[in-house]
Amino acid sequence: MPKISRKRSKLERKAAIALFLYAGVIVGFTFLVLRFTAWRQSEPDAEAPFYAGLPGVNISHLPPAAASAVVKKLNLQRCHCGCLRSVAGCRNRHDSCTDSIVAAQAEVNAAVPH
């Protein structure tokens, strides 16, 4: 009986080692596949352009310094429509966006001297 028990324990040990090694190979291969596909670092996007105007928004009644400050602020502020652009970028490239026109008009109204 002890001889069979010893053979069985040797066999179980070899099976455990093989299982451990196979699992390691599978996990390693999975990480390699993910590293070169889904986890690949994307190229950084080019810097967003700076827009000097706001189509559809009247800023002509603002003093030049205030108009410049509003345009600069709207070039930095993100649009709420989900386009991942600035409000100024959305106004220049996405004419139908109502969120950007509301945000731009609110900034212009806030900059009007009283």
Protein backbone atom coordinates (compact mmCIF):
# COMPACT_ATOMS: atom_id res chain seq x y z
CA MET A 1 0.00 0.00 0.00
CA PRO A 2 2.70 2.57 0.82
CA LYS A 3 4.30 1.99 -2.59
CA ILE A 4 1.04 2.87 -4.41
CA SER A 5 0.54 5.88 -2.17
CA ARG A 6 4.05 7.14 -2.96
CA LYS A 7 3.48 6.75 -6.73
CA ARG A 8 0.17 8.52 -6.44
CA SER A 9 1.68 11.46 -4.54
CA LYS A 10 4.49 11.72 -7.14
CA LEU A 11 1.90 11.75 -9.91
CA GLU A 12 -0.18 14.38 -8.12
CA ARG A 13 2.91 16.55 -7.62
CA LYS A 14 3.84 16.29 -11.33
CA ALA A 15 0.23 17.14 -12.29
CA ALA A 16 0.24 20.16 -9.97
CA ILE A 17 3.54 21.41 -11.40
CA ALA A 18 2.30 20.93 -14.97
CA LEU A 19 -0.97 22.71 -14.17
CA PHE A 20 0.94 25.60 -12.59
CA LEU A 21 3.25 25.92 -15.60
CA TYR A 22 0.36 25.75 -18.11
CA ALA A 23 -1.53 28.39 -16.17
CA GLY A 24 1.56 30.60 -16.17
CA VAL A 25 2.01 30.22 -19.91
CA ILE A 26 -1.66 31.02 -20.55
CA VAL A 27 -1.59 34.08 -18.30
CA GLY A 28 1.67 35.28 -19.83
CA PHE A 29 0.37 34.84 -23.36
CA THR A 30 -2.82 36.69 -22.43
CA PHE A 31 -0.85 39.62 -21.04
CA LEU A 32 1.29 39.77 -24.18
CA VAL A 33 -1.77 39.81 -26.42
CA LEU A 34 -3.40 42.52 -24.32
CA ARG A 35 -0.21 44.56 -24.21
CA PHE A 36 0.07 44.73 -27.97
CA THR A 37 -3.65 45.18 -28.68
CA ALA A 38 -6.00 46.65 -26.08
CA TRP A 39 -3.41 48.13 -23.72
CA ARG A 40 -1.34 49.72 -26.48
CA GLN A 41 -0.52 53.31 -25.68
CA SER A 42 -2.29 55.58 -28.11
CA GLU A 43 -0.47 58.35 -29.87
CA PRO A 44 -1.01 61.70 -28.17
CA ASP A 45 -3.48 63.82 -30.06
CA ALA A 46 -2.27 66.94 -31.73
CA GLU A 47 -2.83 70.03 -29.65
CA ALA A 48 -6.23 71.58 -30.27
CA PRO A 49 -6.09 74.71 -32.42
CA PHE A 50 -6.76 78.11 -30.90
CA TYR A 51 -9.82 79.72 -32.46
CA ALA A 52 -10.00 83.51 -32.76
CA GLY A 53 -13.72 83.74 -33.50
CA LEU A 54 -17.02 82.33 -32.33
CA PRO A 55 -19.45 81.76 -35.22
CA GLY A 56 -23.04 82.43 -34.23
CA VAL A 57 -22.07 84.51 -31.18
CA ASN A 58 -21.99 88.31 -31.34
CA ILE A 59 -18.94 89.63 -29.50
CA SER A 60 -18.65 92.89 -31.46
CA HIS A 61 -20.18 94.94 -28.61
CA LEU A 62 -17.43 93.86 -26.20
CA PRO A 63 -14.27 95.90 -25.70
CA PRO A 64 -11.30 94.25 -27.47
CA ALA A 65 -9.65 93.15 -24.22
CA ALA A 66 -12.88 91.57 -22.94
CA ALA A 67 -13.58 89.89 -26.30
CA SER A 68 -10.07 88.46 -26.33
CA ALA A 69 -10.46 87.19 -22.75
CA VAL A 70 -13.83 85.55 -23.57
CA VAL A 71 -12.44 83.82 -26.66
CA LYS A 72 -9.41 82.60 -24.70
CA LYS A 73 -11.62 81.26 -21.91
CA LEU A 74 -13.91 79.50 -24.39
CA ASN A 75 -10.88 77.92 -26.08
CA LEU A 76 -10.03 76.29 -22.74
CA GLN A 77 -13.53 75.43 -21.48
CA ARG A 78 -14.89 72.03 -22.57
CA CYS A 79 -18.24 71.80 -24.32
CA HIS A 80 -20.99 69.89 -22.53
CA CYS A 81 -22.36 68.23 -25.69
CA GLY A 82 -19.88 65.36 -25.41
CA CYS A 83 -17.80 66.15 -28.51
CA LEU A 84 -14.58 66.43 -26.43
CA ARG A 85 -13.79 69.83 -27.95
CA SER A 86 -13.55 73.23 -26.37
CA VAL A 87 -16.60 75.50 -26.60
CA ALA A 88 -14.79 77.60 -29.22
CA GLY A 89 -13.79 74.47 -31.14
CA CYS A 90 -17.35 73.16 -31.03
CA ARG A 91 -18.68 76.53 -32.26
CA ASN A 92 -16.21 76.48 -35.17
CA ARG A 93 -16.60 72.82 -36.18
CA HIS A 94 -20.04 71.74 -34.97
CA ASP A 95 -22.53 74.39 -36.10
CA SER A 96 -25.64 72.59 -34.87
CA CYS A 97 -24.49 72.30 -31.24
CA THR A 98 -26.84 74.18 -28.95
CA ASP A 99 -24.78 73.57 -25.80
CA SER A 100 -21.77 75.47 -27.13
CA ILE A 101 -23.83 78.45 -28.26
CA VAL A 102 -25.56 78.68 -24.86
CA ALA A 103 -22.22 78.46 -23.01
CA ALA A 104 -20.58 81.01 -25.33
CA GLN A 105 -23.49 83.44 -25.06
CA ALA A 106 -23.47 83.11 -21.26
CA GLU A 107 -19.76 83.98 -21.17
CA VAL A 108 -20.31 86.95 -23.48
CA ASN A 109 -23.22 88.19 -21.34
CA ALA A 110 -21.09 87.82 -18.20
CA ALA A 111 -18.30 89.87 -19.82
CA VAL A 112 -20.55 92.78 -20.83
CA PRO A 113 -19.57 95.83 -18.76
CA HIS A 114 -22.49 97.18 -16.70
